[in-house]
Amino acid sequence: MPRKIWSDLSSMQLGKYGEYYAKMEFTSYGFDVYTSEVDDHGVDFIAKSKNGTFYEVQVKSVRDDNYVFIKKSKIVLQSNRLICFIRFNDNELPDCYVFPATVFEKPDGSLFTSKDYEGLKSQPEYGISVKKKENLEKMKKYRSEITLLELR
């Protein structure tokens, strides 16, 4: 049983834990999981479904409902590119959500965002924000136990 005091972990430790957690989650639903040797293209691992479909998975870990972003240069908006969003709150097991990168083709501006910064103050990014209660409600349809059953 994990300790569940996520606030004691550094951002790097939390991210690494999130990646391992995501791999276990996919494996528990019957996916074969292949670890990427190099993470320079935004792919943390490859998952193969029972029907032979391969998915590229990028894991994003967040604590305390903070905003998470993905640089647009690091993601391809395709249906076989999945985002595994792991939400950590102290004294709770992580919440796991899985959705296709294509959600960013038409972001709703609240839960899913697309930002192109004028003057390139920052690199263009896609964002995920669960700060608002209604956004957390919107995320329910992407819970891993729903999405992974559909994809396997």
Protein backbone atom coordinates (compact mmCIF):
# COMPACT_ATOMS: atom_id res chain seq x y z
CA MET A 1 0.00 0.00 0.00
CA PRO A 2 1.52 3.36 -0.97
CA ARG A 3 2.14 6.00 1.67
CA LYS A 4 -0.18 8.52 -0.08
CA ILE A 5 1.56 11.67 1.18
CA TRP A 6 2.14 12.99 -2.33
CA SER A 7 3.05 16.48 -1.11
CA ASP A 8 6.33 15.04 0.26
CA LEU A 9 7.45 14.06 -3.25
CA SER A 10 9.35 16.39 -5.55
CA SER A 11 7.83 17.16 -8.94
CA MET A 12 10.26 14.73 -10.55
CA GLN A 13 9.41 11.95 -8.08
CA LEU A 14 5.68 12.53 -8.55
CA GLY A 15 6.07 12.42 -12.33
CA LYS A 16 8.05 9.18 -12.18
CA TYR A 17 5.49 7.63 -9.80
CA GLY A 18 2.72 8.74 -12.17
CA GLU A 19 4.42 7.02 -15.11
CA TYR A 20 4.75 3.74 -13.21
CA TYR A 21 1.17 4.01 -11.96
CA ALA A 22 -0.09 4.60 -15.51
CA LYS A 23 1.81 1.56 -16.81
CA MET A 24 0.28 -0.62 -14.07
CA GLU A 25 -3.18 0.76 -14.85
CA PHE A 26 -2.89 -0.09 -18.55
CA THR A 27 -1.44 -3.53 -17.74
CA SER A 28 -4.33 -4.28 -15.37
CA TYR A 29 -6.74 -3.83 -18.31
CA GLY A 30 -4.85 -6.31 -20.48
CA PHE A 31 -2.64 -3.95 -22.48
CA ASP A 32 0.95 -4.88 -23.25
CA VAL A 33 3.15 -1.99 -22.15
CA TYR A 34 6.45 -1.07 -23.76
CA THR A 35 8.68 1.52 -22.14
CA SER A 36 10.28 4.21 -24.30
CA GLU A 37 14.05 4.37 -23.91
CA VAL A 38 14.13 8.10 -24.65
CA ASP A 39 11.38 10.58 -23.78
CA ASP A 40 12.17 13.38 -26.19
CA HIS A 41 9.00 13.25 -28.29
CA GLY A 42 6.44 13.36 -25.49
CA VAL A 43 5.81 9.60 -25.48
CA ASP A 44 6.30 7.97 -22.07
CA PHE A 45 5.30 4.47 -23.16
CA ILE A 46 3.56 2.45 -25.86
CA ALA A 47 0.47 0.37 -25.05
CA LYS A 48 -0.81 -2.44 -27.26
CA SER A 49 -4.46 -3.40 -26.91
CA LYS A 50 -5.78 -6.95 -27.09
CA ASN A 51 -6.95 -6.29 -30.67
CA GLY A 52 -3.44 -5.22 -31.72
CA THR A 53 -3.87 -1.44 -31.77
CA PHE A 54 -0.82 0.49 -30.61
CA TYR A 55 -1.18 3.69 -28.58
CA GLU A 56 1.47 6.26 -27.76
CA VAL A 57 0.88 7.43 -24.19
CA GLN A 58 1.99 10.64 -22.55
CA VAL A 59 1.59 10.78 -18.77
CA LYS A 60 0.85 14.04 -16.98
CA SER A 61 0.83 14.04 -13.18
CA VAL A 62 -0.74 16.79 -11.10
CA ARG A 63 -1.24 17.43 -7.41
CA ASP A 64 -3.84 19.60 -5.74
CA ASP A 65 -5.72 20.27 -8.98
CA ASN A 66 -2.99 22.44 -10.47
CA TYR A 67 -2.86 23.34 -14.16
CA VAL A 68 -0.87 20.98 -16.40
CA PHE A 69 0.35 21.81 -19.89
CA ILE A 70 1.83 20.01 -22.88
CA LYS A 71 3.99 21.91 -25.34
CA LYS A 72 2.35 21.81 -28.74
CA SER A 73 5.69 20.85 -30.25
CA LYS A 74 5.69 17.65 -28.15
CA ILE A 75 2.34 16.19 -29.15
CA VAL A 76 0.59 15.03 -32.29
CA LEU A 77 -3.19 15.30 -32.25
CA GLN A 78 -4.07 11.77 -33.35
CA SER A 79 -6.56 9.27 -31.95
CA ASN A 80 -3.77 6.78 -31.18
CA ARG A 81 -1.96 9.36 -29.01
CA LEU A 82 -3.36 9.17 -25.49
CA ILE A 83 -2.94 11.41 -22.49
CA CYS A 84 -2.94 9.61 -19.15
CA PHE A 85 -3.73 12.27 -16.56
CA ILE A 86 -2.90 11.21 -12.99
CA ARG A 87 -4.34 13.36 -10.20
CA PHE A 88 -2.74 13.11 -6.76
CA ASN A 89 -4.34 14.29 -3.52
CA ASP A 90 -2.80 13.51 -0.14
CA ASN A 91 -4.27 10.55 1.75
CA GLU A 92 -5.98 9.24 -1.40
CA LEU A 93 -5.00 6.82 -4.12
CA PRO A 94 -4.35 8.59 -7.43
CA ASP A 95 -7.21 9.25 -9.84
CA CYS A 96 -6.41 8.12 -13.37
CA TYR A 97 -7.97 9.55 -16.54
CA VAL A 98 -7.23 8.59 -20.15
CA PHE A 99 -8.26 10.57 -23.21
CA PRO A 100 -7.13 10.97 -26.82
CA ALA A 101 -4.96 13.94 -27.76
CA THR A 102 -7.66 14.87 -30.26
CA VAL A 103 -9.60 16.58 -27.42
CA PHE A 104 -7.31 19.54 -28.11
CA GLU A 105 -8.56 19.92 -31.69
CA LYS A 106 -11.61 21.71 -30.29
CA PRO A 107 -10.75 22.63 -26.69
CA ASP A 108 -13.62 23.86 -24.55
CA GLY A 109 -11.49 26.69 -23.10
CA SER A 110 -12.06 25.58 -19.52
CA LEU A 111 -11.06 21.95 -18.93
CA PHE A 112 -9.01 21.70 -22.13
CA THR A 113 -7.25 24.80 -23.45
CA SER A 114 -5.06 25.84 -26.35
CA LYS A 115 -2.72 28.79 -25.82
CA ASP A 116 -0.63 30.54 -28.44
CA TYR A 117 1.29 33.23 -26.62
CA GLU A 118 1.72 36.46 -28.56
CA GLY A 119 5.32 37.49 -28.92
CA LEU A 120 6.32 33.96 -27.89
CA LYS A 121 6.61 34.83 -24.19
CA SER A 122 6.15 31.10 -23.71
CA GLN A 123 5.96 28.23 -26.16
CA PRO A 124 2.46 27.40 -27.45
CA GLU A 125 0.76 24.83 -25.24
CA TYR A 126 -2.29 22.71 -24.64
CA GLY A 127 -3.58 22.76 -21.07
CA ILE A 128 -5.63 20.69 -18.68
CA SER A 129 -7.26 22.40 -15.70
CA VAL A 130 -9.38 20.63 -13.08
CA LYS A 131 -9.41 23.54 -10.62
CA LYS A 132 -13.10 24.19 -11.17
CA LYS A 133 -15.53 21.64 -9.76
CA GLU A 134 -17.42 21.46 -13.06
CA ASN A 135 -14.19 20.56 -14.88
CA LEU A 136 -13.65 17.67 -12.50
CA GLU A 137 -17.19 16.54 -13.34
CA LYS A 138 -16.37 16.74 -17.07
CA MET A 139 -13.33 14.51 -16.49
CA LYS A 140 -15.43 11.64 -15.13
CA LYS A 141 -16.14 10.29 -18.62
CA TYR A 142 -12.38 9.86 -19.08
CA ARG A 143 -11.79 7.78 -15.95
CA SER A 144 -9.42 4.96 -16.81
CA GLU A 145 -11.91 2.25 -15.84
CA ILE A 146 -14.23 3.57 -18.57
CA THR A 147 -11.76 4.55 -21.28
CA LEU A 148 -9.43 1.56 -21.00
CA LEU A 149 -12.32 -0.90 -21.19
CA GLU A 150 -13.43 0.78 -24.43
CA LEU A 151 -9.93 0.82 -25.94
CA ARG A 152 -8.80 -2.68 -25.07
